[in-house]
């Protein structure tokens, strides 16, 4: 947002944008909607994997807000490529917004954290 304090241009828009970012940062996504988005994203663009070692996504959940933190459970989290991580993040932004805030994504094996 370009502003000019000298001329008072779009000064109010800065506050509105800041309030929007705060609201987006506090957003909580239902697990069912998150898993549907993940399933659709993987179906439309499957991740690259090594021959004989397919990547399987089991489910995802939102662990925290401010910043929004998502945990994705899968069979082999060491094989996820940074570009696929970015692809999934972009799909989350496309579906749920998160304007102006960082999104954290953690990929874990099915048995990690138990």
Protein backbone atom coordinates (compact mmCIF):
# COMPACT_ATOMS: atom_id res chain seq x y z
CA UNK A 1 0.00 0.00 0.00
CA UNK A 2 1.54 3.27 -1.12
CA UNK A 3 0.74 6.17 1.18
CA UNK A 4 1.59 9.82 1.64
CA UNK A 5 1.47 11.23 5.14
CA UNK A 6 2.24 14.66 3.74
CA UNK A 7 -0.87 14.69 1.57
CA UNK A 8 -2.93 12.26 3.66
CA UNK A 9 -3.35 9.82 0.78
CA UNK A 10 -4.46 6.29 1.68
CA UNK A 11 -3.48 6.68 5.34
CA UNK A 12 -6.78 5.10 6.40
CA UNK A 13 -6.11 2.18 4.05
CA UNK A 14 -2.97 1.28 6.03
CA UNK A 15 -5.00 0.76 9.21
CA UNK A 16 -7.62 -1.27 7.35
CA UNK A 17 -4.91 -3.46 5.83
CA UNK A 18 -3.24 -3.94 9.22
CA UNK A 19 -6.55 -5.03 10.76
CA UNK A 20 -7.11 -7.43 7.86
CA UNK A 21 -3.67 -8.98 8.38
CA UNK A 22 -4.33 -9.42 12.11
CA UNK A 23 -7.65 -11.13 11.36
CA UNK A 24 -6.03 -13.40 8.75
CA UNK A 25 -3.26 -14.29 11.19
CA UNK A 26 -5.82 -15.44 13.79
CA UNK A 27 -7.80 -17.57 11.31
CA UNK A 28 -8.44 -21.19 12.19
CA UNK A 29 -9.17 -23.69 9.41
CA UNK A 30 -11.39 -26.71 10.15
CA UNK A 31 -9.51 -29.99 9.78
CA UNK A 32 -12.05 -31.39 7.30
CA UNK A 33 -11.70 -28.38 4.98
CA UNK A 34 -7.92 -28.48 5.32
CA UNK A 35 -7.80 -32.18 4.42
CA UNK A 36 -10.10 -31.67 1.43
CA UNK A 37 -7.84 -28.90 0.13
CA UNK A 38 -4.76 -31.09 0.66
CA UNK A 39 -6.41 -34.05 -1.06
CA UNK A 40 -7.48 -31.91 -4.05
CA UNK A 41 -4.02 -30.33 -4.35
CA UNK A 42 -2.26 -33.70 -4.30
CA UNK A 43 -4.75 -35.18 -6.81
CA UNK A 44 -4.30 -32.32 -9.28
CA UNK A 45 -0.50 -32.22 -8.96
CA UNK A 46 1.05 -35.32 -7.33
CA UNK A 47 4.46 -34.87 -5.70
CA UNK A 48 7.60 -36.12 -7.38
CA UNK A 49 8.93 -39.23 -5.72
CA UNK A 50 11.68 -41.78 -6.10
CA UNK A 51 10.86 -44.93 -8.09
CA UNK A 52 9.17 -47.46 -5.84
CA UNK A 53 8.79 -44.93 -3.01
CA UNK A 54 5.50 -43.08 -3.43
CA UNK A 55 4.72 -40.20 -1.12
CA UNK A 56 1.43 -40.64 0.70
CA UNK A 57 -0.31 -37.87 2.59
CA UNK A 58 -2.45 -39.12 5.46
CA UNK A 59 -3.96 -35.98 6.95
CA UNK A 60 -3.22 -32.41 8.01
CA UNK A 61 -4.22 -30.32 10.99
CA UNK A 62 -3.74 -26.75 12.13
CA UNK A 63 -1.58 -26.77 15.24
CA UNK A 64 -1.46 -23.06 16.01
CA UNK A 65 -2.53 -19.58 14.96
CA UNK A 66 -0.43 -16.42 14.83
CA UNK A 67 1.32 -17.46 12.66
CA UNK A 68 -0.87 -20.18 11.17
CA UNK A 69 0.98 -23.48 11.65
CA UNK A 70 -0.03 -26.64 9.85
CA UNK A 71 1.22 -30.18 10.44
CA UNK A 72 0.98 -32.60 7.53
CA UNK A 73 1.33 -36.30 8.32
CA UNK A 74 2.80 -38.44 5.57
CA UNK A 75 4.78 -41.63 5.01
CA UNK A 76 8.22 -40.08 4.34
CA UNK A 77 8.61 -36.39 5.25
CA UNK A 78 12.30 -36.36 4.28
CA UNK A 79 11.35 -36.74 0.61
CA UNK A 80 9.18 -33.60 0.36
CA UNK A 81 10.75 -31.08 -2.02
CA UNK A 82 10.83 -27.37 -1.12
CA UNK A 83 8.93 -26.52 -4.31
CA UNK A 84 6.10 -28.90 -3.37
CA UNK A 85 5.97 -27.36 0.09
CA UNK A 86 5.58 -23.95 -1.58
CA UNK A 87 2.90 -25.38 -3.91
CA UNK A 88 0.87 -26.62 -0.93
CA UNK A 89 1.30 -23.28 0.85
CA UNK A 90 0.02 -21.47 -2.24
CA UNK A 91 -3.00 -23.79 -2.39
CA UNK A 92 -3.76 -22.98 1.27
CA UNK A 93 -3.55 -19.26 0.52
CA UNK A 94 -5.73 -19.69 -2.56
CA UNK A 95 -8.40 -21.54 -0.59
CA UNK A 96 -8.32 -19.81 2.82
CA UNK A 97 -6.65 -16.42 2.34
CA UNK A 98 -3.97 -15.71 4.96
CA UNK A 99 -3.27 -12.33 3.37
CA UNK A 100 -0.05 -10.71 4.58
CA UNK A 101 0.96 -13.42 7.04
CA UNK A 102 3.51 -16.20 7.03
CA UNK A 103 2.35 -19.80 6.96
CA UNK A 104 4.36 -22.47 8.75
CA UNK A 105 4.16 -26.03 7.49
CA UNK A 106 5.66 -29.02 9.21
CA UNK A 107 5.79 -32.46 7.60
CA UNK A 108 5.90 -35.45 9.91
CA UNK A 109 5.81 -39.20 9.73
CA UNK A 110 2.65 -40.92 10.88
CA UNK A 111 4.19 -42.11 14.17
CA UNK A 112 6.12 -38.94 15.05
CA UNK A 113 4.92 -37.13 18.14
CA UNK A 114 3.12 -40.07 19.71
